[in-house]
């Protein structure tokens, strides 16, 4: 299934997670298995957190814009569960065990 994932784009152009396991480098075009990294202060929800649409209002800065290093990735996911969240958190999330980044686009488009 095709989904969307908000990611961090480093100054060197590589992609990585926003919060959990921030040092991980996520390549474009390669399947990756989700890892489980319980982190203090975060709910334990293992898997790649993705959305059905490129919309995550709870991750915007106070001025209503995304941080400049955030970018949307169009991803293909496999072996996933759907996790219902409130609309204020973008609605349903996809928690995938496998993910492949297909392409990216600027979060400033939204």
N, C-alpha and C. Protein backbone atom coordinates (compact mmCIF):
# COMPACT_ATOMS: atom_id res chain seq x y z
N UNK A 1 0.84 -1.17 0.00
CA UNK A 1 0.00 0.00 0.00
C UNK A 1 0.89 1.24 0.00
N UNK A 2 0.44 2.27 -0.67
CA UNK A 2 1.13 3.56 -0.68
C UNK A 2 0.65 4.38 0.51
N UNK A 3 1.59 5.02 1.19
CA UNK A 3 1.28 5.86 2.35
C UNK A 3 2.26 7.04 2.36
N UNK A 4 2.18 7.84 3.40
CA UNK A 4 3.04 9.02 3.54
C UNK A 4 3.68 9.01 4.92
N UNK A 5 4.94 9.46 4.96
CA UNK A 5 5.66 9.53 6.24
C UNK A 5 6.40 10.87 6.30
N UNK A 6 6.17 11.59 7.38
CA UNK A 6 6.90 12.84 7.60
C UNK A 6 8.26 12.48 8.18
N UNK A 7 9.32 12.95 7.53
CA UNK A 7 10.69 12.59 7.92
C UNK A 7 11.53 13.85 8.07
N UNK A 8 12.70 13.65 8.61
CA UNK A 8 13.69 14.72 8.73
C UNK A 8 14.68 14.56 7.59
N UNK A 9 14.97 15.66 6.91
CA UNK A 9 16.00 15.65 5.88
C UNK A 9 17.21 16.41 6.43
N UNK A 10 18.31 15.69 6.53
CA UNK A 10 19.53 16.29 7.07
C UNK A 10 20.18 17.21 6.04
N UNK A 11 21.14 18.00 6.51
CA UNK A 11 21.84 18.92 5.61
C UNK A 11 22.56 18.19 4.49
N UNK A 12 22.96 16.92 4.73
CA UNK A 12 23.64 16.15 3.67
C UNK A 12 22.65 15.47 2.72
N UNK A 13 21.34 15.71 2.94
CA UNK A 13 20.31 15.17 2.05
C UNK A 13 19.74 13.83 2.48
N UNK A 14 20.35 13.18 3.47
CA UNK A 14 19.83 11.89 3.90
C UNK A 14 18.55 12.07 4.72
N UNK A 15 17.75 11.01 4.76
CA UNK A 15 16.48 11.03 5.48
C UNK A 15 16.60 10.26 6.78
N UNK A 16 15.80 10.68 7.76
CA UNK A 16 15.77 9.97 9.03
C UNK A 16 14.47 10.22 9.77
N UNK A 17 14.22 9.46 10.82
CA UNK A 17 13.03 9.65 11.64
C UNK A 17 13.03 11.01 12.34
N UNK A 18 11.83 11.48 12.68
CA UNK A 18 11.71 12.76 13.37
C UNK A 18 12.14 12.68 14.83
N UNK A 19 11.75 11.61 15.53
CA UNK A 19 11.95 11.58 16.98
C UNK A 19 12.69 10.35 17.48
N UNK A 20 12.18 9.17 17.19
CA UNK A 20 12.73 7.93 17.74
C UNK A 20 13.84 7.41 16.83
N UNK A 21 14.99 7.04 17.41
CA UNK A 21 16.13 6.52 16.64
C UNK A 21 16.57 7.51 15.56
N UNK A 22 16.76 8.75 15.95
CA UNK A 22 17.06 9.85 15.01
C UNK A 22 18.34 9.65 14.19
N UNK A 23 19.24 8.82 14.65
CA UNK A 23 20.49 8.62 13.90
C UNK A 23 20.32 7.70 12.69
N UNK A 24 19.22 6.97 12.64
CA UNK A 24 18.98 6.04 11.54
C UNK A 24 18.93 6.78 10.21
N UNK A 25 19.57 6.23 9.22
CA UNK A 25 19.51 6.77 7.86
C UNK A 25 18.57 5.88 7.06
N UNK A 26 17.58 6.51 6.43
CA UNK A 26 16.57 5.77 5.68
C UNK A 26 16.83 6.01 4.19
N UNK A 27 17.29 5.00 3.48
CA UNK A 27 17.60 5.17 2.05
C UNK A 27 16.33 5.18 1.21
N UNK A 28 16.43 5.79 0.05
CA UNK A 28 15.33 5.77 -0.92
C UNK A 28 15.46 4.51 -1.76
N UNK A 29 14.32 3.82 -1.94
CA UNK A 29 14.28 2.67 -2.83
C UNK A 29 14.66 1.34 -2.23
N UNK A 30 14.88 1.27 -0.91
CA UNK A 30 15.25 0.02 -0.26
C UNK A 30 14.25 -0.31 0.83
N UNK A 31 13.83 -1.57 0.90
CA UNK A 31 12.95 -2.00 1.98
C UNK A 31 13.71 -1.98 3.29
N UNK A 32 13.03 -1.50 4.34
CA UNK A 32 13.60 -1.48 5.68
C UNK A 32 12.60 -2.10 6.65
N UNK A 33 13.12 -2.89 7.57
CA UNK A 33 12.31 -3.47 8.64
C UNK A 33 12.20 -2.45 9.77
N UNK A 34 11.04 -2.39 10.38
CA UNK A 34 10.87 -1.53 11.55
C UNK A 34 11.66 -2.11 12.71
N UNK A 35 12.21 -1.24 13.52
CA UNK A 35 12.90 -1.64 14.74
C UNK A 35 12.09 -1.15 15.92
N UNK A 36 12.28 -1.75 17.05
CA UNK A 36 11.55 -1.37 18.26
C UNK A 36 12.51 -0.64 19.20
N UNK A 37 12.25 0.64 19.43
CA UNK A 37 13.09 1.46 20.31
C UNK A 37 12.21 2.14 21.35
N UNK A 38 11.86 1.44 22.44
CA UNK A 38 11.07 2.11 23.48
C UNK A 38 11.82 3.36 23.96
N UNK A 39 11.11 4.48 24.04
CA UNK A 39 11.72 5.76 24.37
C UNK A 39 10.92 6.46 25.45
N UNK A 40 11.59 6.86 26.50
CA UNK A 40 10.93 7.56 27.60
C UNK A 40 10.22 8.80 27.08
N UNK A 41 8.98 8.98 27.52
CA UNK A 41 8.22 10.15 27.12
C UNK A 41 7.36 9.94 25.89
N UNK A 42 7.49 8.78 25.24
CA UNK A 42 6.71 8.46 24.04
C UNK A 42 5.92 7.18 24.26
N UNK A 43 4.71 7.14 23.73
CA UNK A 43 3.92 5.90 23.81
C UNK A 43 4.64 4.81 23.03
N UNK A 44 4.56 3.58 23.51
CA UNK A 44 5.22 2.46 22.83
C UNK A 44 4.31 1.95 21.72
N UNK A 45 4.63 2.34 20.48
CA UNK A 45 3.90 1.92 19.30
C UNK A 45 4.92 1.50 18.25
N UNK A 46 5.45 0.28 18.31
CA UNK A 46 6.49 -0.13 17.37
C UNK A 46 5.99 -0.14 15.92
N UNK A 47 6.87 0.21 15.03
CA UNK A 47 6.56 0.21 13.60
C UNK A 47 6.84 1.57 12.99
N UNK A 48 6.85 1.59 11.67
CA UNK A 48 6.98 2.85 10.94
C UNK A 48 5.63 3.56 11.00
N UNK A 49 5.59 4.77 11.51
CA UNK A 49 4.34 5.53 11.63
C UNK A 49 4.12 6.31 10.33
N UNK A 50 3.03 5.99 9.64
CA UNK A 50 2.71 6.61 8.36
C UNK A 50 1.26 7.07 8.38
N UNK A 51 0.89 7.83 7.36
CA UNK A 51 -0.48 8.32 7.25
C UNK A 51 -1.04 7.98 5.87
N UNK A 52 -2.36 8.04 5.77
CA UNK A 52 -3.03 7.78 4.49
C UNK A 52 -2.93 8.97 3.55
N UNK A 53 -2.77 10.16 4.11
CA UNK A 53 -2.60 11.40 3.33
C UNK A 53 -1.43 12.17 3.94
N UNK A 54 -0.82 13.08 3.19
CA UNK A 54 0.29 13.87 3.76
C UNK A 54 -0.24 14.98 4.67
N UNK A 55 -0.72 14.56 5.84
CA UNK A 55 -1.32 15.50 6.77
C UNK A 55 -1.04 15.04 8.19
N UNK A 56 -0.35 15.84 8.96
CA UNK A 56 -0.03 15.54 10.35
C UNK A 56 -0.04 16.85 11.13
N UNK A 57 -1.23 17.40 11.40
CA UNK A 57 -1.31 18.73 12.02
C UNK A 57 -0.65 18.82 13.38
N UNK A 58 -0.54 17.73 14.10
CA UNK A 58 0.07 17.74 15.43
C UNK A 58 1.58 17.87 15.37
N UNK A 59 2.18 17.77 14.20
CA UNK A 59 3.63 17.87 14.07
C UNK A 59 4.09 19.21 13.48
N UNK A 60 3.18 20.16 13.33
CA UNK A 60 3.54 21.48 12.85
C UNK A 60 4.06 22.33 14.01
N UNK A 61 4.85 23.35 13.67
CA UNK A 61 5.31 24.28 14.68
C UNK A 61 4.17 25.21 15.08
N UNK A 62 4.39 26.03 16.06
CA UNK A 62 3.35 26.91 16.58
C UNK A 62 2.80 27.88 15.53
N UNK A 63 3.61 28.26 14.56
CA UNK A 63 3.14 29.20 13.54
C UNK A 63 2.36 28.50 12.42
N UNK A 64 2.08 27.21 12.60
CA UNK A 64 1.30 26.48 11.61
C UNK A 64 2.10 25.91 10.45
N UNK A 65 3.41 26.07 10.49
CA UNK A 65 4.27 25.55 9.42
C UNK A 65 5.12 24.40 9.96
N UNK A 66 5.62 23.59 9.04
CA UNK A 66 6.54 22.53 9.44
C UNK A 66 7.94 23.11 9.59
N UNK A 67 8.75 22.47 10.42
CA UNK A 67 10.15 22.86 10.56
C UNK A 67 10.84 22.72 9.21
N UNK A 68 11.83 23.54 8.91
CA UNK A 68 12.45 23.52 7.58
C UNK A 68 13.13 22.21 7.21
N UNK A 69 13.47 21.38 8.21
CA UNK A 69 14.14 20.12 7.88
C UNK A 69 13.17 18.96 7.71
N UNK A 70 11.87 19.23 7.74
CA UNK A 70 10.87 18.16 7.59
C UNK A 70 10.41 18.05 6.14
N UNK A 71 10.26 16.80 5.72
CA UNK A 71 9.90 16.52 4.33
C UNK A 71 8.95 15.32 4.32
N UNK A 72 8.01 15.33 3.41
CA UNK A 72 7.11 14.18 3.26
C UNK A 72 7.76 13.15 2.35
N UNK A 73 7.64 11.90 2.74
CA UNK A 73 8.10 10.80 1.89
C UNK A 73 6.87 10.02 1.43
N UNK A 74 6.84 9.72 0.15
CA UNK A 74 5.84 8.79 -0.38
C UNK A 74 6.46 7.42 -0.18
N UNK A 75 5.76 6.55 0.52
CA UNK A 75 6.33 5.26 0.90
C UNK A 75 5.41 4.11 0.49
N UNK A 76 6.01 2.97 0.33
CA UNK A 76 5.26 1.74 0.17
C UNK A 76 5.42 0.99 1.48
N UNK A 77 4.31 0.49 2.04
CA UNK A 77 4.37 -0.22 3.31
C UNK A 77 3.80 -1.62 3.15
N UNK A 78 4.28 -2.51 4.00
CA UNK A 78 3.79 -3.88 4.01
C UNK A 78 3.72 -4.36 5.45
N UNK A 79 2.87 -5.35 5.69
CA UNK A 79 2.71 -5.94 7.01
C UNK A 79 2.42 -4.84 8.03
N UNK A 80 1.23 -4.28 7.96
CA UNK A 80 0.89 -3.11 8.76
C UNK A 80 -0.41 -3.32 9.53
N UNK A 81 -0.59 -2.48 10.53
CA UNK A 81 -1.83 -2.36 11.29
C UNK A 81 -2.29 -0.92 11.17
N UNK A 82 -3.57 -0.71 11.31
CA UNK A 82 -4.13 0.65 11.30
C UNK A 82 -4.47 1.01 12.74
N UNK A 83 -4.04 2.18 13.14
CA UNK A 83 -4.17 2.64 14.51
C UNK A 83 -5.01 3.91 14.50
N UNK A 84 -6.19 3.87 15.07
CA UNK A 84 -7.08 5.03 15.06
C UNK A 84 -6.59 6.11 16.02
N UNK A 85 -6.47 7.33 15.49
CA UNK A 85 -6.06 8.50 16.26
C UNK A 85 -7.07 9.60 16.01
N UNK A 86 -7.12 10.61 16.87
CA UNK A 86 -8.04 11.73 16.65
C UNK A 86 -7.65 12.54 15.40
N UNK A 87 -8.62 13.24 14.84
CA UNK A 87 -8.33 14.09 13.67
C UNK A 87 -7.25 15.11 13.97
N UNK A 88 -7.16 15.58 15.20
CA UNK A 88 -6.13 16.55 15.57
C UNK A 88 -4.73 15.97 15.43
N UNK A 89 -4.63 14.63 15.31
CA UNK A 89 -3.36 13.97 15.09
C UNK A 89 -3.32 13.32 13.71
N UNK A 90 -4.11 13.83 12.80
CA UNK A 90 -4.08 13.36 11.42
C UNK A 90 -5.02 12.20 11.11
N UNK A 91 -5.81 11.76 12.09
CA UNK A 91 -6.71 10.62 11.87
C UNK A 91 -5.94 9.32 11.96
N UNK A 92 -6.39 8.30 11.27
CA UNK A 92 -5.79 6.97 11.37
C UNK A 92 -4.32 6.97 10.95
N UNK A 93 -3.52 6.25 11.72
CA UNK A 93 -2.11 6.03 11.39
C UNK A 93 -1.94 4.62 10.88
N UNK A 94 -0.93 4.43 10.08
CA UNK A 94 -0.52 3.11 9.62
C UNK A 94 0.77 2.79 10.36
N UNK A 95 0.81 1.69 11.07
CA UNK A 95 2.04 1.24 11.74
C UNK A 95 2.54 0.02 10.97
N UNK A 96 3.59 0.25 10.18
CA UNK A 96 4.07 -0.77 9.25
C UNK A 96 5.34 -1.44 9.76
N UNK A 97 5.47 -2.70 9.47
CA UNK A 97 6.68 -3.43 9.83
C UNK A 97 7.74 -3.34 8.74
N UNK A 98 7.31 -3.08 7.50
CA UNK A 98 8.26 -2.85 6.40
C UNK A 98 7.88 -1.56 5.68
N UNK A 99 8.90 -0.83 5.23
CA UNK A 99 8.71 0.44 4.55
C UNK A 99 9.77 0.62 3.50
N UNK A 100 9.36 1.19 2.36
CA UNK A 100 10.31 1.58 1.31
C UNK A 100 9.95 2.98 0.85
N UNK A 101 10.91 3.92 0.94
CA UNK A 101 10.69 5.29 0.47
C UNK A 101 10.76 5.29 -1.05
N UNK A 102 9.71 5.83 -1.67
CA UNK A 102 9.66 5.91 -3.13
C UNK A 102 10.11 7.28 -3.64
N UNK A 103 9.70 8.35 -2.96
CA UNK A 103 10.06 9.71 -3.36
C UNK A 103 9.77 10.65 -2.20
N UNK A 104 10.15 11.90 -2.35
CA UNK A 104 9.91 12.91 -1.30
C UNK A 104 9.39 14.20 -1.92
N UNK A 105 8.75 15.01 -1.08
CA UNK A 105 8.35 16.35 -1.48
C UNK A 105 8.29 17.25 -0.26
N UNK A 106 8.34 18.52 -0.48
CA UNK A 106 8.43 19.50 0.60
C UNK A 106 7.18 19.51 1.48
N UNK A 107 7.40 19.55 2.78
CA UNK A 107 6.28 19.67 3.72
C UNK A 107 5.67 21.07 3.67
N UNK A 108 6.38 22.03 3.08
CA UNK A 108 5.85 23.40 2.98
C UNK A 108 4.72 23.53 1.99
N UNK A 109 4.45 22.48 1.21
CA UNK A 109 3.33 22.52 0.28
C UNK A 109 2.01 22.43 1.01
N UNK A 110 2.05 22.07 2.29
CA UNK A 110 0.82 21.86 3.06
C UNK A 110 0.73 22.78 4.23
